[in-house]
Amino acid sequence: MDGQRIKAPLDYSRGPEKTWVYGALRVRDGKDLTRCVASRNSTNSITLLEDIEADNPRGDVFISTDNREPP
């Protein structure tokens, strides 16, 4: 509602860890790709882009990103 990512505390008895969710949506047919990772970094961003490319072997791929930092 406030334009921020969903924030939920994890309770796995491991302390205050975070999980980052990377995702993509193919608007044409509604197919989504999501990946849960322990950190937000360029390696995980590149992995998502590679997954998108593998899932869309033909034609152009248009990507819109939002990398806004949480407050």
PDB file of N, CA and C in Angstrom:
ATOM      1  N   MET A   1       0.809  -1.202   0.000  1.00  0.00           N
ATOM      2  CA  MET A   1       0.000   0.000   0.000  1.00  0.00           C
ATOM      3  C   MET A   1       0.850   1.264   0.000  1.00  0.00           C
ATOM      4  N   ASP A   2       2.044   1.206   0.638  1.00  0.00           N
ATOM      5  CA  ASP A   2       2.869   2.406   0.701  1.00  0.00           C
ATOM      6  C   ASP A   2       3.898   2.470  -0.422  1.00  0.00           C
ATOM      7  N   GLY A   3       3.810   1.570  -1.423  1.00  0.00           N
ATOM      8  CA  GLY A   3       4.736   1.574  -2.536  1.00  0.00           C
ATOM      9  C   GLY A   3       6.054   0.883  -2.251  1.00  0.00           C
ATOM     10  N   GLN A   4       6.170   0.243  -1.110  1.00  0.00           N
ATOM     11  CA  GLN A   4       7.399  -0.448  -0.723  1.00  0.00           C
ATOM     12  C   GLN A   4       7.217  -1.949  -0.887  1.00  0.00           C
ATOM     13  N   ARG A   5       8.345  -2.685  -0.900  1.00  0.00           N
ATOM     14  CA  ARG A   5       8.268  -4.138  -0.965  1.00  0.00           C
ATOM     15  C   ARG A   5       7.634  -4.672   0.316  1.00  0.00           C
ATOM     16  N   ILE A   6       7.116  -5.870   0.232  1.00  0.00           N
ATOM     17  CA  ILE A   6       6.508  -6.507   1.400  1.00  0.00           C
ATOM     18  C   ILE A   6       7.603  -6.803   2.408  1.00  0.00           C
ATOM     19  N   LYS A   7       7.359  -6.459   3.657  1.00  0.00           N
ATOM     20  CA  LYS A   7       8.329  -6.711   4.720  1.00  0.00           C
ATOM     21  C   LYS A   7       7.699  -7.676   5.714  1.00  0.00           C
ATOM     22  N   ALA A   8       8.340  -8.804   5.909  1.00  0.00           N
ATOM     23  CA  ALA A   8       7.830  -9.785   6.865  1.00  0.00           C
ATOM     24  C   ALA A   8       9.015 -10.401   7.587  1.00  0.00           C
ATOM     25  N   PRO A   9       8.978 -10.434   8.901  1.00  0.00           N
ATOM     26  CA  PRO A   9      10.093 -11.054   9.626  1.00  0.00           C
ATOM     27  C   PRO A   9      10.104 -12.564   9.391  1.00  0.00           C
ATOM     28  N   LEU A  10      11.291 -13.112   9.231  1.00  0.00           N
ATOM     29  CA  LEU A  10      11.429 -14.556   9.076  1.00  0.00           C
ATOM     30  C   LEU A  10      11.608 -15.176  10.453  1.00  0.00           C
ATOM     31  N   ASP A  11      10.961 -16.280  10.678  1.00  0.00           N
ATOM     32  CA  ASP A  11      11.059 -16.943  11.970  1.00  0.00           C
ATOM     33  C   ASP A  11      11.452 -18.398  11.762  1.00  0.00           C
ATOM     34  N   TYR A  12      12.728 -18.624  11.511  1.00  0.00           N
ATOM     35  CA  TYR A  12      13.245 -19.970  11.344  1.00  0.00           C
ATOM     36  C   TYR A  12      14.256 -20.296  12.436  1.00  0.00           C
ATOM     37  N   SER A  13      14.222 -19.581  13.506  1.00  0.00           N
ATOM     38  CA  SER A  13      15.158 -19.726  14.615  1.00  0.00           C
ATOM     39  C   SER A  13      16.607 -19.501  14.178  1.00  0.00           C
ATOM     40  N   ARG A  14      16.797 -18.670  13.165  1.00  0.00           N
ATOM     41  CA  ARG A  14      18.144 -18.359  12.689  1.00  0.00           C
ATOM     42  C   ARG A  14      18.473 -16.885  12.866  1.00  0.00           C
ATOM     43  N   GLY A  15      17.634 -16.158  13.485  1.00  0.00           N
ATOM     44  CA  GLY A  15      17.900 -14.748  13.665  1.00  0.00           C
ATOM     45  C   GLY A  15      17.213 -13.905  12.604  1.00  0.00           C
ATOM     46  N   PRO A  16      17.495 -12.602  12.598  1.00  0.00           N
ATOM     47  CA  PRO A  16      16.794 -11.663  11.702  1.00  0.00           C
ATOM     48  C   PRO A  16      17.373 -11.670  10.282  1.00  0.00           C
ATOM     49  N   GLU A  17      17.252 -12.774   9.578  1.00  0.00           N
ATOM     50  CA  GLU A  17      17.763 -12.866   8.215  1.00  0.00           C
ATOM     51  C   GLU A  17      16.735 -12.325   7.234  1.00  0.00           C
ATOM     52  N   LYS A  18      17.208 -11.985   6.043  1.00  0.00           N
ATOM     53  CA  LYS A  18      16.336 -11.469   4.997  1.00  0.00           C
ATOM     54  C   LYS A  18      16.335 -12.433   3.827  1.00  0.00           C
ATOM     55  N   THR A  19      15.246 -12.435   3.113  1.00  0.00           N
ATOM     56  CA  THR A  19      15.154 -13.166   1.861  1.00  0.00           C
ATOM     57  C   THR A  19      14.747 -12.166   0.790  1.00  0.00           C
ATOM     58  N   TRP A  20      15.471 -12.160  -0.306  1.00  0.00           N
ATOM     59  CA  TRP A  20      15.161 -11.276  -1.420  1.00  0.00           C
ATOM     60  C   TRP A  20      14.462 -12.090  -2.488  1.00  0.00           C
ATOM     61  N   VAL A  21      13.464 -11.510  -3.097  1.00  0.00           N
ATOM     62  CA  VAL A  21      12.733 -12.189  -4.164  1.00  0.00           C
ATOM     63  C   VAL A  21      12.979 -11.438  -5.465  1.00  0.00           C
ATOM     64  N   TYR A  22      13.527 -12.154  -6.420  1.00  0.00           N
ATOM     65  CA  TYR A  22      13.694 -11.623  -7.771  1.00  0.00           C
ATOM     66  C   TYR A  22      12.565 -12.193  -8.608  1.00  0.00           C
ATOM     67  N   GLY A  23      11.979 -11.388  -9.466  1.00  0.00           N
ATOM     68  CA  GLY A  23      10.879 -11.898 -10.262  1.00  0.00           C
ATOM     69  C   GLY A  23      10.747 -11.213 -11.599  1.00  0.00           C
ATOM     70  N   ALA A  24      10.070 -11.897 -12.488  1.00  0.00           N
ATOM     71  CA  ALA A  24       9.782 -11.370 -13.818  1.00  0.00           C
ATOM     72  C   ALA A  24       8.405 -11.861 -14.233  1.00  0.00           C
ATOM     73  N   LEU A  25       7.723 -11.067 -15.033  1.00  0.00           N
ATOM     74  CA  LEU A  25       6.402 -11.417 -15.528  1.00  0.00           C
ATOM     75  C   LEU A  25       6.394 -11.239 -17.037  1.00  0.00           C
ATOM     76  N   ARG A  26       5.998 -12.285 -17.753  1.00  0.00           N
ATOM     77  CA  ARG A  26       5.834 -12.174 -19.203  1.00  0.00           C
ATOM     78  C   ARG A  26       4.396 -11.744 -19.430  1.00  0.00           C
ATOM     79  N   VAL A  27       4.218 -10.504 -19.852  1.00  0.00           N
ATOM     80  CA  VAL A  27       2.899  -9.896 -19.967  1.00  0.00           C
ATOM     81  C   VAL A  27       2.041 -10.601 -21.014  1.00  0.00           C
ATOM     82  N   ARG A  28       2.645 -11.075 -22.073  1.00  0.00           N
ATOM     83  CA  ARG A  28       1.909 -11.709 -23.173  1.00  0.00           C
ATOM     84  C   ARG A  28       1.005 -12.846 -22.692  1.00  0.00           C
ATOM     85  N   ASP A  29       1.525 -13.708 -21.799  1.00  0.00           N
ATOM     86  CA  ASP A  29       0.730 -14.857 -21.367  1.00  0.00           C
ATOM     87  C   ASP A  29       0.627 -14.999 -19.846  1.00  0.00           C
ATOM     88  N   GLY A  30       1.201 -14.075 -19.096  1.00  0.00           N
ATOM     89  CA  GLY A  30       1.087 -14.077 -17.644  1.00  0.00           C
ATOM     90  C   GLY A  30       2.041 -15.018 -16.928  1.00  0.00           C
ATOM     91  N   LYS A  31       2.982 -15.630 -17.664  1.00  0.00           N
ATOM     92  CA  LYS A  31       3.940 -16.540 -17.017  1.00  0.00           C
ATOM     93  C   LYS A  31       4.911 -15.731 -16.159  1.00  0.00           C
ATOM     94  N   ASP A  32       5.213 -16.259 -14.977  1.00  0.00           N
ATOM     95  CA  ASP A  32       6.141 -15.555 -14.100  1.00  0.00           C
ATOM     96  C   ASP A  32       7.350 -16.432 -13.789  1.00  0.00           C
ATOM     97  N   LEU A  33       8.426 -15.772 -13.449  1.00  0.00           N
ATOM     98  CA  LEU A  33       9.648 -16.407 -12.962  1.00  0.00           C
ATOM     99  C   LEU A  33       9.979 -15.746 -11.640  1.00  0.00           C
ATOM    100  N   THR A  34      10.217 -16.531 -10.605  1.00  0.00           N
ATOM    101  CA  THR A  34      10.631 -15.966  -9.330  1.00  0.00           C
ATOM    102  C   THR A  34      11.785 -16.770  -8.768  1.00  0.00           C
ATOM    103  N   ARG A  35      12.651 -16.080  -8.058  1.00  0.00           N
ATOM    104  CA  ARG A  35      13.805 -16.689  -7.406  1.00  0.00           C
ATOM    105  C   ARG A  35      13.959 -16.051  -6.037  1.00  0.00           C
ATOM    106  N   CYS A  36      14.059 -16.872  -4.991  1.00  0.00           N
ATOM    107  CA  CYS A  36      14.335 -16.391  -3.644  1.00  0.00           C
ATOM    108  C   CYS A  36      15.824 -16.567  -3.378  1.00  0.00           C
ATOM    109  N   VAL A  37      16.462 -15.516  -2.905  1.00  0.00           N
ATOM    110  CA  VAL A  37      17.906 -15.547  -2.682  1.00  0.00           C
ATOM    111  C   VAL A  37      18.235 -14.904  -1.345  1.00  0.00           C
ATOM    112  N   ALA A  38      19.422 -15.190  -0.849  1.00  0.00           N
ATOM    113  CA  ALA A  38      19.839 -14.674   0.459  1.00  0.00           C
ATOM    114  C   ALA A  38      20.383 -13.250   0.393  1.00  0.00           C
ATOM    115  N   SER A  39      20.788 -12.798  -0.803  1.00  0.00           N
ATOM    116  CA  SER A  39      21.324 -11.436  -0.897  1.00  0.00           C
ATOM    117  C   SER A  39      20.950 -10.820  -2.232  1.00  0.00           C
ATOM    118  N   ARG A  40      20.950  -9.509  -2.239  1.00  0.00           N
ATOM    119  CA  ARG A  40      20.648  -8.763  -3.450  1.00  0.00           C
ATOM    120  C   ARG A  40      21.966  -8.278  -4.019  1.00  0.00           C
ATOM    121  N   ASN A  41      22.335  -8.823  -5.171  1.00  0.00           N
ATOM    122  CA  ASN A  41      23.607  -8.438  -5.775  1.00  0.00           C
ATOM    123  C   ASN A  41      23.540  -8.641  -7.283  1.00  0.00           C
ATOM    124  N   SER A  42      24.605  -8.255  -7.962  1.00  0.00           N
ATOM    125  CA  SER A  42      24.599  -8.341  -9.420  1.00  0.00           C
ATOM    126  C   SER A  42      24.592  -9.780  -9.902  1.00  0.00           C
ATOM    127  N   THR A  43      25.191 -10.699  -9.159  1.00  0.00           N
ATOM    128  CA  THR A  43      25.188 -12.112  -9.562  1.00  0.00           C
ATOM    129  C   THR A  43      23.762 -12.639  -9.644  1.00  0.00           C
ATOM    130  N   ASN A  44      22.957 -12.346  -8.657  1.00  0.00           N
ATOM    131  CA  ASN A  44      21.568 -12.808  -8.671  1.00  0.00           C
ATOM    132  C   ASN A  44      20.747 -12.088  -9.736  1.00  0.00           C
ATOM    133  N   SER A  45      21.033 -10.823  -9.992  1.00  0.00           N
ATOM    134  CA  SER A  45      20.347 -10.097 -11.063  1.00  0.00           C
ATOM    135  C   SER A  45      20.677 -10.711 -12.415  1.00  0.00           C
ATOM    136  N   ILE A  46      21.940 -11.027 -12.631  1.00  0.00           N
ATOM    137  CA  ILE A  46      22.364 -11.632 -13.895  1.00  0.00           C
ATOM    138  C   ILE A  46      21.741 -13.012 -14.054  1.00  0.00           C
ATOM    139  N   THR A  47      21.661 -13.780 -12.972  1.00  0.00           N
ATOM    140  CA  THR A  47      21.035 -15.100 -13.036  1.00  0.00           C
ATOM    141  C   THR A  47      19.577 -14.987 -13.459  1.00  0.00           C
ATOM    142  N   LEU A  48      18.853 -14.010 -12.915  1.00  0.00           N
ATOM    143  CA  LEU A  48      17.465 -13.812 -13.323  1.00  0.00           C
ATOM    144  C   LEU A  48      17.401 -13.460 -14.806  1.00  0.00           C
ATOM    145  N   LEU A  49      18.276 -12.581 -15.272  1.00  0.00           N
ATOM    146  CA  LEU A  49      18.280 -12.213 -16.693  1.00  0.00           C
ATOM    147  C   LEU A  49      18.575 -13.424 -17.579  1.00  0.00           C
ATOM    148  N   GLU A  50      19.487 -14.280 -17.144  1.00  0.00           N
ATOM    149  CA  GLU A  50      19.782 -15.504 -17.893  1.00  0.00           C
ATOM    150  C   GLU A  50      18.567 -16.430 -17.928  1.00  0.00           C
ATOM    151  N   ASP A  51      17.852 -16.526 -16.811  1.00  0.00           N
ATOM    152  CA  ASP A  51      16.636 -17.349 -16.764  1.00  0.00           C
ATOM    153  C   ASP A  51      15.570 -16.787 -17.707  1.00  0.00           C
ATOM    154  N   ILE A  52      15.446 -15.463 -17.733  1.00  0.00           N
ATOM    155  CA  ILE A  52      14.481 -14.831 -18.636  1.00  0.00           C
ATOM    156  C   ILE A  52      14.849 -15.126 -20.083  1.00  0.00           C
ATOM    157  N   GLU A  53      16.124 -14.989 -20.397  1.00  0.00           N
ATOM    158  CA  GLU A  53      16.585 -15.248 -21.762  1.00  0.00           C
ATOM    159  C   GLU A  53      16.336 -16.710 -22.154  1.00  0.00           C
ATOM    160  N   ALA A  54      16.616 -17.638 -21.258  1.00  0.00           N
ATOM    161  CA  ALA A  54      16.409 -19.063 -21.543  1.00  0.00           C
ATOM    162  C   ALA A  54      14.931 -19.383 -21.737  1.00  0.00           C
ATOM    163  N   ASP A  55      14.062 -18.677 -21.035  1.00  0.00           N
ATOM    164  CA  ASP A  55      12.634 -18.923 -21.127  1.00  0.00           C
ATOM    165  C   ASP A  55      11.999 -18.240 -22.335  1.00  0.00           C
ATOM    166  N   ASN A  56      12.744 -17.354 -22.987  1.00  0.00           N
ATOM    167  CA  ASN A  56      12.262 -16.608 -24.152  1.00  0.00           C
ATOM    168  C   ASN A  56      13.301 -16.696 -25.266  1.00  0.00           C
ATOM    169  N   PRO A  57      13.474 -17.878 -25.866  1.00  0.00           N
ATOM    170  CA  PRO A  57      14.568 -18.070 -26.819  1.00  0.00           C
ATOM    171  C   PRO A  57      14.405 -17.340 -28.150  1.00  0.00           C
ATOM    172  N   ARG A  58      13.192 -16.921 -28.492  1.00  0.00           N
ATOM    173  CA  ARG A  58      12.984 -16.253 -29.777  1.00  0.00           C
ATOM    174  C   ARG A  58      12.416 -14.868 -29.567  1.00  0.00           C
ATOM    175  N   GLY A  59      12.784 -13.969 -30.434  1.00  0.00           N
ATOM    176  CA  GLY A  59      12.211 -12.633 -30.426  1.00  0.00           C
ATOM    177  C   GLY A  59      12.857 -11.707 -29.412  1.00  0.00           C
ATOM    178  N   ASP A  60      12.352 -10.505 -29.400  1.00  0.00           N
ATOM    179  CA  ASP A  60      12.881  -9.475 -28.509  1.00  0.00           C
ATOM    180  C   ASP A  60      12.352  -9.652 -27.088  1.00  0.00           C
ATOM    181  N   VAL A  61      13.161  -9.239 -26.130  1.00  0.00           N
ATOM    182  CA  VAL A  61      12.767  -9.213 -24.730  1.00  0.00           C
ATOM    183  C   VAL A  61      12.908  -7.765 -24.265  1.00  0.00           C
ATOM    184  N   PHE A  62      11.843  -7.216 -23.718  1.00  0.00           N
ATOM    185  CA  PHE A  62      11.848  -5.852 -23.196  1.00  0.00           C
ATOM    186  C   PHE A  62      11.775  -5.943 -21.680  1.00  0.00           C
ATOM    187  N   ILE A  63      12.713  -5.290 -21.007  1.00  0.00           N
ATOM    188  CA  ILE A  63      12.799  -5.386 -19.556  1.00  0.00           C
ATOM    189  C   ILE A  63      12.639  -4.011 -18.934  1.00  0.00           C
ATOM    190  N   SER A  64      11.784  -3.934 -17.940  1.00  0.00           N
ATOM    191  CA  SER A  64      11.607  -2.728 -17.145  1.00  0.00           C
ATOM    192  C   SER A  64      11.986  -3.102 -15.719  1.00  0.00           C
ATOM    193  N   THR A  65      12.874  -2.338 -15.106  1.00  0.00           N
ATOM    194  CA  THR A  65      13.340  -2.690 -13.771  1.00  0.00           C
ATOM    195  C   THR A  65      12.983  -1.617 -12.751  1.00  0.00           C
ATOM    196  N   ASP A  66      12.938  -2.050 -11.509  1.00  0.00           N
ATOM    197  CA  ASP A  66      12.726  -1.143 -10.387  1.00  0.00           C
ATOM    198  C   ASP A  66      13.721  -1.558  -9.305  1.00  0.00           C
ATOM    199  N   ASN A  67      14.735  -0.775  -9.111  1.00  0.00           N
ATOM    200  CA  ASN A  67      15.734  -1.101  -8.110  1.00  0.00           C
ATOM    201  C   ASN A  67      15.731  -0.103  -6.967  1.00  0.00           C
ATOM    202  N   ARG A  68      14.559   0.414  -6.666  1.00  0.00           N
ATOM    203  CA  ARG A  68      14.440   1.414  -5.610  1.00  0.00           C
ATOM    204  C   ARG A  68      14.818   0.808  -4.278  1.00  0.00           C
ATOM    205  N   GLU A  69      15.662   1.491  -3.567  1.00  0.00           N
ATOM    206  CA  GLU A  69      16.092   1.047  -2.230  1.00  0.00           C
ATOM    207  C   GLU A  69      14.968   1.277  -1.224  1.00  0.00           C
ATOM    208  N   PRO A  70      14.765   0.325  -0.316  1.00  0.00           N
ATOM    209  CA  PRO A  70      13.790   0.576   0.746  1.00  0.00           C
ATOM    210  C   PRO A  70      14.288   1.715   1.651  1.00  0.00           C
ATOM    211  N   PRO A  71      13.364   2.432   2.274  1.00  0.00           N
ATOM    212  CA  PRO A  71      13.783   3.573   3.117  1.00  0.00           C
ATOM    213  C   PRO A  71      14.532   3.131   4.361  1.00  0.00           C
TER     214      PRO A  71
END
